[in-house]
Amino acid sequence: MVTNAVRYGSAREDFVLVSLVLKASYLRIEVHDAGRRRPRLRHSAADSATEQRGRGLFIVAELAADWGVGERPFGKYVWAELAWPREARRE
């Protein structure tokens, strides 16, 4: 998510903000950038030797319990929530 924000969501002099919020049952990660263009989930052919990019958000979607995109006054943020295994939760 950070790589996408730096590569596609910001200009050279822009800042990227990473926010981590630890909850009892999950970790929420937010990556804020100045770009307005919303990322899109791409599905590449698994056997494609030429497609070496574009799978980052697909990996996030597979690992995260939930994810999405929100708007801010001067850009957007992409967020993902990673759930803790039940035995590791502080309930």
C-alpha atoms as a PDB file:
ATOM      1  CA  MET A   1       0.000   0.000   0.000  1.00  0.00           C
ATOM      2  CA  VAL A   2       2.866   2.364   0.781  1.00  0.00           C
ATOM      3  CA  THR A   3       4.640   1.520  -2.465  1.00  0.00           C
ATOM      4  CA  ASN A   4       1.456   2.249  -4.427  1.00  0.00           C
ATOM      5  CA  ALA A   5       0.999   5.573  -2.601  1.00  0.00           C
ATOM      6  CA  VAL A   6       4.560   6.660  -3.346  1.00  0.00           C
ATOM      7  CA  ARG A   7       4.593   5.381  -6.905  1.00  0.00           C
ATOM      8  CA  TYR A   8       1.109   6.305  -8.115  1.00  0.00           C
ATOM      9  CA  GLY A   9      -0.576   8.522  -5.518  1.00  0.00           C
ATOM     10  CA  SER A  10       1.855  11.323  -4.892  1.00  0.00           C
ATOM     11  CA  ALA A  11       4.160  13.769  -6.617  1.00  0.00           C
ATOM     12  CA  ARG A  12       7.830  14.052  -5.756  1.00  0.00           C
ATOM     13  CA  GLU A  13       7.325  16.735  -3.091  1.00  0.00           C
ATOM     14  CA  ASP A  14       4.177  15.219  -1.533  1.00  0.00           C
ATOM     15  CA  PHE A  15       4.016  13.427   1.778  1.00  0.00           C
ATOM     16  CA  VAL A  16       2.606   9.967   2.408  1.00  0.00           C
ATOM     17  CA  LEU A  17       1.102   9.293   5.832  1.00  0.00           C
ATOM     18  CA  VAL A  18       0.925   5.802   7.328  1.00  0.00           C
ATOM     19  CA  SER A  19      -1.424   5.259  10.250  1.00  0.00           C
ATOM     20  CA  LEU A  20      -1.576   2.101  12.383  1.00  0.00           C
ATOM     21  CA  VAL A  21      -4.443   1.533  14.811  1.00  0.00           C
ATOM     22  CA  LEU A  22      -4.204  -1.489  17.084  1.00  0.00           C
ATOM     23  CA  LYS A  23      -7.530  -2.910  18.285  1.00  0.00           C
ATOM     24  CA  ALA A  24      -8.273  -6.025  20.349  1.00  0.00           C
ATOM     25  CA  SER A  25      -9.163  -8.133  17.319  1.00  0.00           C
ATOM     26  CA  TYR A  26      -7.377  -6.452  14.395  1.00  0.00           C
ATOM     27  CA  LEU A  27      -4.733  -4.038  13.153  1.00  0.00           C
ATOM     28  CA  ARG A  28      -5.990  -1.255  10.880  1.00  0.00           C
ATOM     29  CA  ILE A  29      -3.470   0.176   8.426  1.00  0.00           C
ATOM     30  CA  GLU A  30      -4.199   3.402   6.544  1.00  0.00           C
ATOM     31  CA  VAL A  31      -1.984   4.913   3.869  1.00  0.00           C
ATOM     32  CA  HIS A  32      -2.854   8.511   2.950  1.00  0.00           C
ATOM     33  CA  ASP A  33      -1.634  10.253  -0.212  1.00  0.00           C
ATOM     34  CA  ALA A  34      -2.454  13.333  -2.285  1.00  0.00           C
ATOM     35  CA  GLY A  35      -3.643  11.433  -5.353  1.00  0.00           C
ATOM     36  CA  ARG A  36      -7.289  11.463  -6.379  1.00  0.00           C
ATOM     37  CA  ARG A  37      -7.164   8.368  -8.570  1.00  0.00           C
ATOM     38  CA  ARG A  38      -8.631   5.386  -6.742  1.00  0.00           C
ATOM     39  CA  PRO A  39      -6.647   2.152  -6.940  1.00  0.00           C
ATOM     40  CA  ARG A  40      -8.235  -0.800  -8.669  1.00  0.00           C
ATOM     41  CA  LEU A  41      -7.950  -4.454  -7.901  1.00  0.00           C
ATOM     42  CA  ARG A  42      -6.221  -6.259 -10.780  1.00  0.00           C
ATOM     43  CA  HIS A  43      -6.137  -9.978 -11.401  1.00  0.00           C
ATOM     44  CA  SER A  44      -3.090 -11.077 -13.372  1.00  0.00           C
ATOM     45  CA  ALA A  45      -2.616 -14.432 -14.976  1.00  0.00           C
ATOM     46  CA  ALA A  46      -0.759 -16.638 -12.497  1.00  0.00           C
ATOM     47  CA  ASP A  47       1.546 -18.034 -15.171  1.00  0.00           C
ATOM     48  CA  SER A  48       2.308 -14.704 -16.837  1.00  0.00           C
ATOM     49  CA  ALA A  49       6.044 -14.022 -16.926  1.00  0.00           C
ATOM     50  CA  THR A  50       5.471 -10.512 -18.314  1.00  0.00           C
ATOM     51  CA  GLU A  51       3.087  -9.321 -15.565  1.00  0.00           C
ATOM     52  CA  GLN A  52       5.510  -8.503 -12.768  1.00  0.00           C
ATOM     53  CA  ARG A  53       3.526  -5.541 -11.431  1.00  0.00           C
ATOM     54  CA  GLY A  54      -0.024  -4.733 -10.459  1.00  0.00           C
ATOM     55  CA  ARG A  55      -0.624  -7.452  -7.879  1.00  0.00           C
ATOM     56  CA  GLY A  56      -0.118  -5.409  -4.693  1.00  0.00           C
ATOM     57  CA  LEU A  57      -3.747  -4.627  -3.990  1.00  0.00           C
ATOM     58  CA  PHE A  58      -4.692  -8.206  -4.858  1.00  0.00           C
ATOM     59  CA  ILE A  59      -2.257  -9.400  -2.170  1.00  0.00           C
ATOM     60  CA  VAL A  60      -3.721  -6.904   0.319  1.00  0.00           C
ATOM     61  CA  ALA A  61      -7.238  -8.153  -0.467  1.00  0.00           C
ATOM     62  CA  GLU A  62      -6.173 -11.768   0.073  1.00  0.00           C
ATOM     63  CA  LEU A  63      -4.423 -11.112   3.396  1.00  0.00           C
ATOM     64  CA  ALA A  64      -6.810  -8.577   4.915  1.00  0.00           C
ATOM     65  CA  ALA A  65     -10.103  -9.306   6.662  1.00  0.00           C
ATOM     66  CA  ASP A  66     -11.407  -6.137   4.966  1.00  0.00           C
ATOM     67  CA  TRP A  67     -10.026  -3.206   2.957  1.00  0.00           C
ATOM     68  CA  GLY A  68     -11.210  -0.146   1.098  1.00  0.00           C
ATOM     69  CA  VAL A  69     -10.578   3.385  -0.092  1.00  0.00           C
ATOM     70  CA  GLY A  70     -11.715   6.638   1.524  1.00  0.00           C
ATOM     71  CA  GLU A  71     -11.620  10.217   0.336  1.00  0.00           C
ATOM     72  CA  ARG A  72      -9.955  13.140   2.090  1.00  0.00           C
ATOM     73  CA  PRO A  73     -10.091  16.846   1.252  1.00  0.00           C
ATOM     74  CA  PHE A  74      -6.760  16.686  -0.592  1.00  0.00           C
ATOM     75  CA  GLY A  75      -6.439  13.084  -1.731  1.00  0.00           C
ATOM     76  CA  LYS A  76      -7.433   9.646  -0.561  1.00  0.00           C
ATOM     77  CA  TYR A  77      -6.489   6.860   1.805  1.00  0.00           C
ATOM     78  CA  VAL A  78      -6.367   3.123   1.347  1.00  0.00           C
ATOM     79  CA  TRP A  79      -7.028   1.039   4.436  1.00  0.00           C
ATOM     80  CA  ALA A  80      -6.806  -2.622   5.373  1.00  0.00           C
ATOM     81  CA  GLU A  81      -7.689  -4.496   8.534  1.00  0.00           C
ATOM     82  CA  LEU A  82      -5.631  -7.533   9.486  1.00  0.00           C
ATOM     83  CA  ALA A  83      -7.445  -9.790  11.945  1.00  0.00           C
ATOM     84  CA  TRP A  84      -5.626 -11.439  14.831  1.00  0.00           C
ATOM     85  CA  PRO A  85      -6.027 -15.180  15.292  1.00  0.00           C
ATOM     86  CA  ARG A  86      -8.542 -15.840  18.069  1.00  0.00           C
ATOM     87  CA  GLU A  87      -5.883 -17.262  20.413  1.00  0.00           C
ATOM     88  CA  ALA A  88      -3.822 -14.048  20.111  1.00  0.00           C
ATOM     89  CA  ARG A  89      -6.688 -11.632  20.830  1.00  0.00           C
ATOM     90  CA  ARG A  90      -6.819  -9.525  23.961  1.00  0.00           C
ATOM     91  CA  GLU A  91     -10.551  -9.871  24.689  1.00  0.00           C
END
